[in-house]
């Protein structure tokens, strides 16, 4: 089992999301370091066990620049998820 270590600021954001019940999206890109892939999945599982609504998605075929750029595209992986979370776009 992997132990995740977060900064105090990161825990504050996570705790706030859990308290107010806002859904979370966790993403991973294949071919990152295995520890990074596993920690993202472990975090999603831990948040779900704590009662959070979590969507864990995989960004196949994106490099680290392209992955973030999908936020700017309403049909992109992250852009679409963001709009769904804001209830501005259907699943």
PDB file of N, CA and C in Angstrom:
ATOM      1  N   UNK A   1       0.840  -1.182   0.000  1.00  0.00           N
ATOM      2  CA  UNK A   1       0.000   0.000   0.000  1.00  0.00           C
ATOM      3  C   UNK A   1       0.883   1.241   0.000  1.00  0.00           C
ATOM      4  N   UNK A   2       0.483   2.239  -0.726  1.00  0.00           N
ATOM      5  CA  UNK A   2       1.240   3.479  -0.848  1.00  0.00           C
ATOM      6  C   UNK A   2       0.692   4.494   0.146  1.00  0.00           C
ATOM      7  N   UNK A   3       1.569   5.194   0.828  1.00  0.00           N
ATOM      8  CA  UNK A   3       1.156   6.263   1.718  1.00  0.00           C
ATOM      9  C   UNK A   3       1.262   7.580   0.964  1.00  0.00           C
ATOM     10  N   UNK A   4       0.161   8.296   0.892  1.00  0.00           N
ATOM     11  CA  UNK A   4       0.149   9.580   0.200  1.00  0.00           C
ATOM     12  C   UNK A   4       0.524  10.680   1.177  1.00  0.00           C
ATOM     13  N   UNK A   5       1.349  11.611   0.722  1.00  0.00           N
ATOM     14  CA  UNK A   5       1.755  12.734   1.558  1.00  0.00           C
ATOM     15  C   UNK A   5       1.325  14.018   0.870  1.00  0.00           C
ATOM     16  N   UNK A   6       0.464  14.792   1.537  1.00  0.00           N
ATOM     17  CA  UNK A   6      -0.016  16.053   0.996  1.00  0.00           C
ATOM     18  C   UNK A   6       0.431  17.191   1.893  1.00  0.00           C
ATOM     19  N   UNK A   7       0.586  18.365   1.292  1.00  0.00           N
ATOM     20  CA  UNK A   7       0.908  19.546   2.084  1.00  0.00           C
ATOM     21  C   UNK A   7      -0.313  19.951   2.897  1.00  0.00           C
ATOM     22  N   UNK A   8      -0.120  20.812   3.867  1.00  0.00           N
ATOM     23  CA  UNK A   8      -1.226  21.306   4.688  1.00  0.00           C
ATOM     24  C   UNK A   8      -2.251  22.010   3.805  1.00  0.00           C
ATOM     25  N   UNK A   9      -1.781  22.786   2.829  1.00  0.00           N
ATOM     26  CA  UNK A   9      -2.697  23.495   1.928  1.00  0.00           C
ATOM     27  C   UNK A   9      -3.529  22.518   1.099  1.00  0.00           C
ATOM     28  N   UNK A  10      -2.889  21.458   0.610  1.00  0.00           N
ATOM     29  CA  UNK A  10      -3.619  20.463  -0.184  1.00  0.00           C
ATOM     30  C   UNK A  10      -4.682  19.787   0.669  1.00  0.00           C
ATOM     31  N   UNK A  11      -4.344  19.448   1.907  1.00  0.00           N
ATOM     32  CA  UNK A  11      -5.340  18.831   2.793  1.00  0.00           C
ATOM     33  C   UNK A  11      -6.489  19.778   3.087  1.00  0.00           C
ATOM     34  N   UNK A  12      -6.202  21.059   3.195  1.00  0.00           N
ATOM     35  CA  UNK A  12      -7.267  22.036   3.452  1.00  0.00           C
ATOM     36  C   UNK A  12      -8.256  22.059   2.297  1.00  0.00           C
ATOM     37  N   UNK A  13      -7.765  22.022   1.071  1.00  0.00           N
ATOM     38  CA  UNK A  13      -8.648  22.008  -0.101  1.00  0.00           C
ATOM     39  C   UNK A  13      -9.450  20.714  -0.146  1.00  0.00           C
ATOM     40  N   UNK A  14      -8.783  19.594   0.097  1.00  0.00           N
ATOM     41  CA  UNK A  14      -9.470  18.297   0.079  1.00  0.00           C
ATOM     42  C   UNK A  14     -10.545  18.252   1.162  1.00  0.00           C
ATOM     43  N   UNK A  15     -10.197  18.678   2.359  1.00  0.00           N
ATOM     44  CA  UNK A  15     -11.158  18.659   3.460  1.00  0.00           C
ATOM     45  C   UNK A  15     -12.351  19.553   3.162  1.00  0.00           C
ATOM     46  N   UNK A  16     -12.101  20.719   2.596  1.00  0.00           N
ATOM     47  CA  UNK A  16     -13.191  21.634   2.258  1.00  0.00           C
ATOM     48  C   UNK A  16     -14.125  20.995   1.237  1.00  0.00           C
ATOM     49  N   UNK A  17     -13.565  20.362   0.222  1.00  0.00           N
ATOM     50  CA  UNK A  17     -14.394  19.685  -0.786  1.00  0.00           C
ATOM     51  C   UNK A  17     -15.228  18.583  -0.146  1.00  0.00           C
ATOM     52  N   UNK A  18     -14.625  17.823   0.751  1.00  0.00           N
ATOM     53  CA  UNK A  18     -15.374  16.753   1.408  1.00  0.00           C
ATOM     54  C   UNK A  18     -16.480  17.320   2.289  1.00  0.00           C
ATOM     55  N   UNK A  19     -16.196  18.427   2.979  1.00  0.00           N
ATOM     56  CA  UNK A  19     -17.183  19.028   3.866  1.00  0.00           C
ATOM     57  C   UNK A  19     -18.371  19.606   3.108  1.00  0.00           C
ATOM     58  N   UNK A  20     -18.099  20.263   1.984  1.00  0.00           N
ATOM     59  CA  UNK A  20     -19.201  20.883   1.262  1.00  0.00           C
ATOM     60  C   UNK A  20     -19.814  19.940   0.234  1.00  0.00           C
ATOM     61  N   UNK A  21     -19.220  18.755   0.083  1.00  0.00           N
ATOM     62  CA  UNK A  21     -19.806  17.744  -0.773  1.00  0.00           C
ATOM     63  C   UNK A  21     -19.666  17.984  -2.263  1.00  0.00           C
ATOM     64  N   UNK A  22     -18.731  18.808  -2.676  1.00  0.00           N
ATOM     65  CA  UNK A  22     -18.578  19.036  -4.116  1.00  0.00           C
ATOM     66  C   UNK A  22     -17.888  17.835  -4.752  1.00  0.00           C
ATOM     67  N   UNK A  23     -18.312  17.474  -5.950  1.00  0.00           N
ATOM     68  CA  UNK A  23     -17.691  16.328  -6.616  1.00  0.00           C
ATOM     69  C   UNK A  23     -16.256  16.640  -7.027  1.00  0.00           C
ATOM     70  N   UNK A  24     -15.450  15.597  -7.106  1.00  0.00           N
ATOM     71  CA  UNK A  24     -14.059  15.741  -7.510  1.00  0.00           C
ATOM     72  C   UNK A  24     -13.808  14.926  -8.765  1.00  0.00           C
ATOM     73  N   UNK A  25     -12.888  15.383  -9.548  1.00  0.00           N
ATOM     74  CA  UNK A  25     -12.416  14.626 -10.701  1.00  0.00           C
ATOM     75  C   UNK A  25     -10.932  14.405 -10.497  1.00  0.00           C
ATOM     76  N   UNK A  26     -10.513  13.159 -10.533  1.00  0.00           N
ATOM     77  CA  UNK A  26      -9.089  12.860 -10.505  1.00  0.00           C
ATOM     78  C   UNK A  26      -8.743  12.269 -11.861  1.00  0.00           C
ATOM     79  N   UNK A  27      -7.608  12.646 -12.373  1.00  0.00           N
ATOM     80  CA  UNK A  27      -7.206  12.174 -13.697  1.00  0.00           C
ATOM     81  C   UNK A  27      -5.788  11.634 -13.640  1.00  0.00           C
ATOM     82  N   UNK A  28      -5.518  10.756 -14.556  1.00  0.00           N
ATOM     83  CA  UNK A  28      -4.143  10.280 -14.681  1.00  0.00           C
ATOM     84  C   UNK A  28      -3.849  10.059 -16.143  1.00  0.00           C
ATOM     85  N   UNK A  29      -2.611  10.134 -16.452  1.00  0.00           N
ATOM     86  CA  UNK A  29      -2.148   9.905 -17.816  1.00  0.00           C
ATOM     87  C   UNK A  29      -1.274   8.663 -17.784  1.00  0.00           C
ATOM     88  N   UNK A  30      -1.597   7.663 -18.603  1.00  0.00           N
ATOM     89  CA  UNK A  30      -0.763   6.458 -18.615  1.00  0.00           C
ATOM     90  C   UNK A  30       0.685   6.792 -18.959  1.00  0.00           C
ATOM     91  N   UNK A  31       1.553   5.949 -18.538  1.00  0.00           N
ATOM     92  CA  UNK A  31       2.987   6.054 -18.796  1.00  0.00           C
ATOM     93  C   UNK A  31       3.692   7.071 -17.905  1.00  0.00           C
ATOM     94  N   UNK A  32       2.961   7.672 -16.953  1.00  0.00           N
ATOM     95  CA  UNK A  32       3.653   8.421 -15.922  1.00  0.00           C
ATOM     96  C   UNK A  32       4.353   7.403 -15.044  1.00  0.00           C
ATOM     97  N   UNK A  33       5.105   7.872 -14.120  1.00  0.00           N
ATOM     98  CA  UNK A  33       5.765   6.985 -13.168  1.00  0.00           C
ATOM     99  C   UNK A  33       4.682   6.175 -12.454  1.00  0.00           C
ATOM    100  N   UNK A  34       4.910   4.883 -12.288  1.00  0.00           N
ATOM    101  CA  UNK A  34       3.890   4.009 -11.695  1.00  0.00           C
ATOM    102  C   UNK A  34       3.414   4.509 -10.336  1.00  0.00           C
ATOM    103  N   UNK A  35       4.321   5.077  -9.544  1.00  0.00           N
ATOM    104  CA  UNK A  35       3.923   5.600  -8.242  1.00  0.00           C
ATOM    105  C   UNK A  35       2.884   6.705  -8.402  1.00  0.00           C
ATOM    106  N   UNK A  36       3.058   7.570  -9.409  1.00  0.00           N
ATOM    107  CA  UNK A  36       2.107   8.646  -9.662  1.00  0.00           C
ATOM    108  C   UNK A  36       0.761   8.080 -10.078  1.00  0.00           C
ATOM    109  N   UNK A  37       0.766   7.088 -10.958  1.00  0.00           N
ATOM    110  CA  UNK A  37      -0.487   6.463 -11.393  1.00  0.00           C
ATOM    111  C   UNK A  37      -1.206   5.839 -10.205  1.00  0.00           C
ATOM    112  N   UNK A  38      -0.463   5.110  -9.395  1.00  0.00           N
ATOM    113  CA  UNK A  38      -1.053   4.409  -8.262  1.00  0.00           C
ATOM    114  C   UNK A  38      -1.547   5.390  -7.208  1.00  0.00           C
ATOM    115  N   UNK A  39      -0.810   6.472  -6.962  1.00  0.00           N
ATOM    116  CA  UNK A  39      -1.235   7.418  -5.937  1.00  0.00           C
ATOM    117  C   UNK A  39      -2.517   8.130  -6.344  1.00  0.00           C
ATOM    118  N   UNK A  40      -2.695   8.406  -7.645  1.00  0.00           N
ATOM    119  CA  UNK A  40      -3.939   9.012  -8.109  1.00  0.00           C
ATOM    120  C   UNK A  40      -5.120   8.090  -7.884  1.00  0.00           C
ATOM    121  N   UNK A  41      -4.943   6.815  -8.193  1.00  0.00           N
ATOM    122  CA  UNK A  41      -6.003   5.831  -7.970  1.00  0.00           C
ATOM    123  C   UNK A  41      -6.270   5.650  -6.484  1.00  0.00           C
ATOM    124  N   UNK A  42      -5.200   5.614  -5.672  1.00  0.00           N
ATOM    125  CA  UNK A  42      -5.356   5.473  -4.225  1.00  0.00           C
ATOM    126  C   UNK A  42      -6.091   6.668  -3.637  1.00  0.00           C
ATOM    127  N   UNK A  43      -5.769   7.868  -4.116  1.00  0.00           N
ATOM    128  CA  UNK A  43      -6.446   9.064  -3.625  1.00  0.00           C
ATOM    129  C   UNK A  43      -7.931   9.012  -3.968  1.00  0.00           C
ATOM    130  N   UNK A  44      -8.258   8.641  -5.191  1.00  0.00           N
ATOM    131  CA  UNK A  44      -9.659   8.550  -5.611  1.00  0.00           C
ATOM    132  C   UNK A  44     -10.405   7.538  -4.739  1.00  0.00           C
ATOM    133  N   UNK A  45      -9.787   6.395  -4.485  1.00  0.00           N
ATOM    134  CA  UNK A  45     -10.417   5.363  -3.650  1.00  0.00           C
ATOM    135  C   UNK A  45     -10.614   5.861  -2.213  1.00  0.00           C
ATOM    136  N   UNK A  46      -9.605   6.550  -1.671  1.00  0.00           N
ATOM    137  CA  UNK A  46      -9.715   7.068  -0.301  1.00  0.00           C
ATOM    138  C   UNK A  46     -10.805   8.133  -0.198  1.00  0.00           C
ATOM    139  N   UNK A  47     -10.907   8.992  -1.184  1.00  0.00           N
ATOM    140  CA  UNK A  47     -11.939  10.026  -1.183  1.00  0.00           C
ATOM    141  C   UNK A  47     -13.326   9.395  -1.290  1.00  0.00           C
ATOM    142  N   UNK A  48     -13.450   8.356  -2.111  1.00  0.00           N
ATOM    143  CA  UNK A  48     -14.734   7.656  -2.215  1.00  0.00           C
ATOM    144  C   UNK A  48     -15.107   7.011  -0.887  1.00  0.00           C
ATOM    145  N   UNK A  49     -14.134   6.386  -0.228  1.00  0.00           N
ATOM    146  CA  UNK A  49     -14.404   5.775   1.085  1.00  0.00           C
ATOM    147  C   UNK A  49     -14.832   6.819   2.101  1.00  0.00           C
ATOM    148  N   UNK A  50     -14.338   8.056   1.939  1.00  0.00           N
ATOM    149  CA  UNK A  50     -14.709   9.143   2.857  1.00  0.00           C
ATOM    150  C   UNK A  50     -16.058   9.750   2.488  1.00  0.00           C
ATOM    151  N   UNK A  51     -16.670   9.266   1.413  1.00  0.00           N
ATOM    152  CA  UNK A  51     -17.996   9.738   1.046  1.00  0.00           C
ATOM    153  C   UNK A  51     -18.046  10.777  -0.055  1.00  0.00           C
ATOM    154  N   UNK A  52     -16.917  11.066  -0.675  1.00  0.00           N
ATOM    155  CA  UNK A  52     -16.897  12.072  -1.746  1.00  0.00           C
ATOM    156  C   UNK A  52     -17.360  11.460  -3.061  1.00  0.00           C
ATOM    157  N   UNK A  53     -17.962  12.291  -3.885  1.00  0.00           N
ATOM    158  CA  UNK A  53     -18.307  11.880  -5.244  1.00  0.00           C
ATOM    159  C   UNK A  53     -17.062  12.091  -6.102  1.00  0.00           C
ATOM    160  N   UNK A  54     -16.498  11.016  -6.606  1.00  0.00           N
ATOM    161  CA  UNK A  54     -15.230  11.090  -7.336  1.00  0.00           C
ATOM    162  C   UNK A  54     -15.371  10.416  -8.689  1.00  0.00           C
ATOM    163  N   UNK A  55     -14.861  11.083  -9.713  1.00  0.00           N
ATOM    164  CA  UNK A  55     -14.707  10.465 -11.038  1.00  0.00           C
ATOM    165  C   UNK A  55     -13.223  10.375 -11.316  1.00  0.00           C
ATOM    166  N   UNK A  56     -12.755   9.183 -11.546  1.00  0.00           N
ATOM    167  CA  UNK A  56     -11.337   8.975 -11.847  1.00  0.00           C
ATOM    168  C   UNK A  56     -11.238   8.601 -13.322  1.00  0.00           C
ATOM    169  N   UNK A  57     -10.610   9.459 -14.107  1.00  0.00           N
ATOM    170  CA  UNK A  57     -10.527   9.232 -15.546  1.00  0.00           C
ATOM    171  C   UNK A  57      -9.075   9.139 -15.993  1.00  0.00           C
ATOM    172  N   UNK A  58      -8.888   8.517 -17.135  1.00  0.00           N
ATOM    173  CA  UNK A  58      -7.552   8.324 -17.687  1.00  0.00           C
ATOM    174  C   UNK A  58      -7.416   9.092 -18.988  1.00  0.00           C
ATOM    175  N   UNK A  59      -6.357   9.852 -19.122  1.00  0.00           N
ATOM    176  CA  UNK A  59      -6.120  10.629 -20.329  1.00  0.00           C
ATOM    177  C   UNK A  59      -5.198   9.908 -21.287  1.00  0.00           C
ATOM    178  N   UNK A  60      -5.738   8.973 -22.024  1.00  0.00           N
ATOM    179  CA  UNK A  60      -4.914   8.194 -22.968  1.00  0.00           C
ATOM    180  C   UNK A  60      -4.515   9.066 -24.162  1.00  0.00           C
ATOM    181  N   UNK A  61      -3.279   8.964 -24.545  1.00  0.00           N
ATOM    182  CA  UNK A  61      -2.808   9.630 -25.749  1.00  0.00           C
ATOM    183  C   UNK A  61      -2.405  11.083 -25.582  1.00  0.00           C
ATOM    184  N   UNK A  62      -2.418  11.604 -24.367  1.00  0.00           N
ATOM    185  CA  UNK A  62      -2.041  13.001 -24.142  1.00  0.00           C
ATOM    186  C   UNK A  62      -0.673  13.077 -23.488  1.00  0.00           C
ATOM    187  N   UNK A  63       0.138  14.043 -23.931  1.00  0.00           N
ATOM    188  CA  UNK A  63       1.343  14.325 -23.161  1.00  0.00           C
ATOM    189  C   UNK A  63       0.969  15.343 -22.086  1.00  0.00           C
ATOM    190  N   UNK A  64       1.895  15.711 -21.226  1.00  0.00           N
ATOM    191  CA  UNK A  64       1.540  16.576 -20.096  1.00  0.00           C
ATOM    192  C   UNK A  64       1.090  17.975 -20.526  1.00  0.00           C
ATOM    193  N   UNK A  65       1.518  18.455 -21.685  1.00  0.00           N
ATOM    194  CA  UNK A  65       1.044  19.760 -22.171  1.00  0.00           C
ATOM    195  C   UNK A  65      -0.360  19.643 -22.750  1.00  0.00           C
ATOM    196  N   UNK A  66      -0.558  18.651 -23.608  1.00  0.00           N
ATOM    197  CA  UNK A  66      -1.867  18.454 -24.236  1.00  0.00           C
ATOM    198  C   UNK A  66      -2.956  18.189 -23.205  1.00  0.00           C
ATOM    199  N   UNK A  67      -2.602  17.461 -22.176  1.00  0.00           N
ATOM    200  CA  UNK A  67      -3.571  17.084 -21.148  1.00  0.00           C
ATOM    201  C   UNK A  67      -4.192  18.325 -20.515  1.00  0.00           C
ATOM    202  N   UNK A  68      -3.377  19.269 -20.100  1.00  0.00           N
ATOM    203  CA  UNK A  68      -3.871  20.500 -19.484  1.00  0.00           C
ATOM    204  C   UNK A  68      -4.629  21.352 -20.493  1.00  0.00           C
ATOM    205  N   UNK A  69      -4.184  21.361 -21.743  1.00  0.00           N
ATOM    206  CA  UNK A  69      -4.856  22.163 -22.771  1.00  0.00           C
ATOM    207  C   UNK A  69      -6.276  21.698 -23.051  1.00  0.00           C
ATOM    208  N   UNK A  70      -6.624  20.465 -22.665  1.00  0.00           N
ATOM    209  CA  UNK A  70      -7.996  19.999 -22.888  1.00  0.00           C
ATOM    210  C   UNK A  70      -8.993  20.758 -22.004  1.00  0.00           C
ATOM    211  N   UNK A  71      -8.500  21.488 -21.014  1.00  0.00           N
ATOM    212  CA  UNK A  71      -9.389  22.339 -20.197  1.00  0.00           C
ATOM    213  C   UNK A  71     -10.001  23.466 -21.026  1.00  0.00           C
ATOM    214  N   UNK A  72      -9.265  23.955 -22.020  1.00  0.00           N
ATOM    215  CA  UNK A  72      -9.723  25.086 -22.825  1.00  0.00           C
ATOM    216  C   UNK A  72     -10.719  24.681 -23.908  1.00  0.00           C
ATOM    217  N   UNK A  73     -10.902  23.397 -24.114  1.00  0.00           N
ATOM    218  CA  UNK A  73     -11.800  22.905 -25.159  1.00  0.00           C
ATOM    219  C   UNK A  73     -13.046  22.297 -24.513  1.00  0.00           C
ATOM    220  N   UNK A  74     -14.238  22.830 -24.790  1.00  0.00           N
ATOM    221  CA  UNK A  74     -15.446  22.283 -24.174  1.00  0.00           C
ATOM    222  C   UNK A  74     -15.717  20.825 -24.557  1.00  0.00           C
ATOM    223  N   UNK A  75     -15.089  20.352 -25.639  1.00  0.00           N
ATOM    224  CA  UNK A  75     -15.222  18.945 -26.021  1.00  0.00           C
ATOM    225  C   UNK A  75     -13.994  18.131 -25.595  1.00  0.00           C
ATOM    226  N   UNK A  76     -13.002  18.809 -25.007  1.00  0.00           N
ATOM    227  CA  UNK A  76     -11.802  18.122 -24.546  1.00  0.00           C
ATOM    228  C   UNK A  76     -12.081  17.336 -23.281  1.00  0.00           C
ATOM    229  N   UNK A  77     -11.193  16.415 -22.941  1.00  0.00           N
ATOM    230  CA  UNK A  77     -11.388  15.545 -21.790  1.00  0.00           C
ATOM    231  C   UNK A  77     -11.650  16.334 -20.503  1.00  0.00           C
ATOM    232  N   UNK A  78     -10.747  17.211 -20.134  1.00  0.00           N
ATOM    233  CA  UNK A  78     -10.917  17.962 -18.884  1.00  0.00           C
ATOM    234  C   UNK A  78     -11.959  19.075 -19.012  1.00  0.00           C
ATOM    235  N   UNK A  79     -12.034  19.726 -20.168  1.00  0.00           N
ATOM    236  CA  UNK A  79     -13.037  20.775 -20.378  1.00  0.00           C
ATOM    237  C   UNK A  79     -14.446  20.244 -20.256  1.00  0.00           C
ATOM    238  N   UNK A  80     -14.696  19.094 -20.849  1.00  0.00           N
ATOM    239  CA  UNK A  80     -16.019  18.473 -20.786  1.00  0.00           C
ATOM    240  C   UNK A  80     -16.367  18.077 -19.349  1.00  0.00           C
ATOM    241  N   UNK A  81     -15.397  17.500 -18.639  1.00  0.00           N
ATOM    242  CA  UNK A  81     -15.628  17.123 -17.240  1.00  0.00           C
ATOM    243  C   UNK A  81     -15.911  18.351 -16.374  1.00  0.00           C
ATOM    244  N   UNK A  82     -15.170  19.432 -16.631  1.00  0.00           N
ATOM    245  CA  UNK A  82     -15.375  20.657 -15.867  1.00  0.00           C
ATOM    246  C   UNK A  82     -16.779  21.202 -16.097  1.00  0.00           C
ATOM    247  N   UNK A  83     -17.220  21.242 -17.350  1.00  0.00           N
ATOM    248  CA  UNK A  83     -18.558  21.753 -17.656  1.00  0.00           C
ATOM    249  C   UNK A  83     -19.653  20.846 -17.093  1.00  0.00           C
ATOM    250  N   UNK A  84     -19.419  19.528 -17.101  1.00  0.00           N
ATOM    251  CA  UNK A  84     -20.381  18.620 -16.487  1.00  0.00           C
ATOM    252  C   UNK A  84     -20.471  18.877 -15.001  1.00  0.00           C
ATOM    253  N   UNK A  85     -19.354  19.098 -14.363  1.00  0.00           N
ATOM    254  CA  UNK A  85     -19.330  19.351 -12.925  1.00  0.00           C
ATOM    255  C   UNK A  85     -20.052  20.647 -12.595  1.00  0.00           C
ATOM    256  N   UNK A  86     -19.984  21.629 -13.491  1.00  0.00           N
ATOM    257  CA  UNK A  86     -20.668  22.908 -13.297  1.00  0.00           C
ATOM    258  C   UNK A  86     -22.122  22.821 -13.763  1.00  0.00           C
ATOM    259  N   UNK A  87     -22.525  21.639 -14.238  1.00  0.00           N
ATOM    260  CA  UNK A  87     -23.876  21.385 -14.748  1.00  0.00           C
ATOM    261  C   UNK A  87     -24.208  22.285 -15.935  1.00  0.00           C
ATOM    262  N   UNK A  88     -23.213  22.525 -16.778  1.00  0.00           N
ATOM    263  CA  UNK A  88     -23.405  23.318 -17.984  1.00  0.00           C
ATOM    264  C   UNK A  88     -23.341  22.459 -19.235  1.00  0.00           C
ATOM    265  N   UNK A  89     -23.107  21.161 -19.046  1.00  0.00           N
ATOM    266  CA  UNK A  89     -22.973  20.249 -20.179  1.00  0.00           C
ATOM    267  C   UNK A  89     -23.368  18.871 -19.692  1.00  0.00           C
ATOM    268  N   UNK A  90     -24.200  18.187 -20.431  1.00  0.00           N
ATOM    269  CA  UNK A  90     -24.667  16.870 -20.017  1.00  0.00           C
ATOM    270  C   UNK A  90     -23.616  15.802 -20.207  1.00  0.00           C
ATOM    271  N   UNK A  91     -23.693  14.710 -19.414  1.00  0.00           N
ATOM    272  CA  UNK A  91     -22.728  13.613 -19.543  1.00  0.00           C
ATOM    273  C   UNK A  91     -22.883  12.861 -20.838  1.00  0.00           C
TER     274      UNK A  91
END
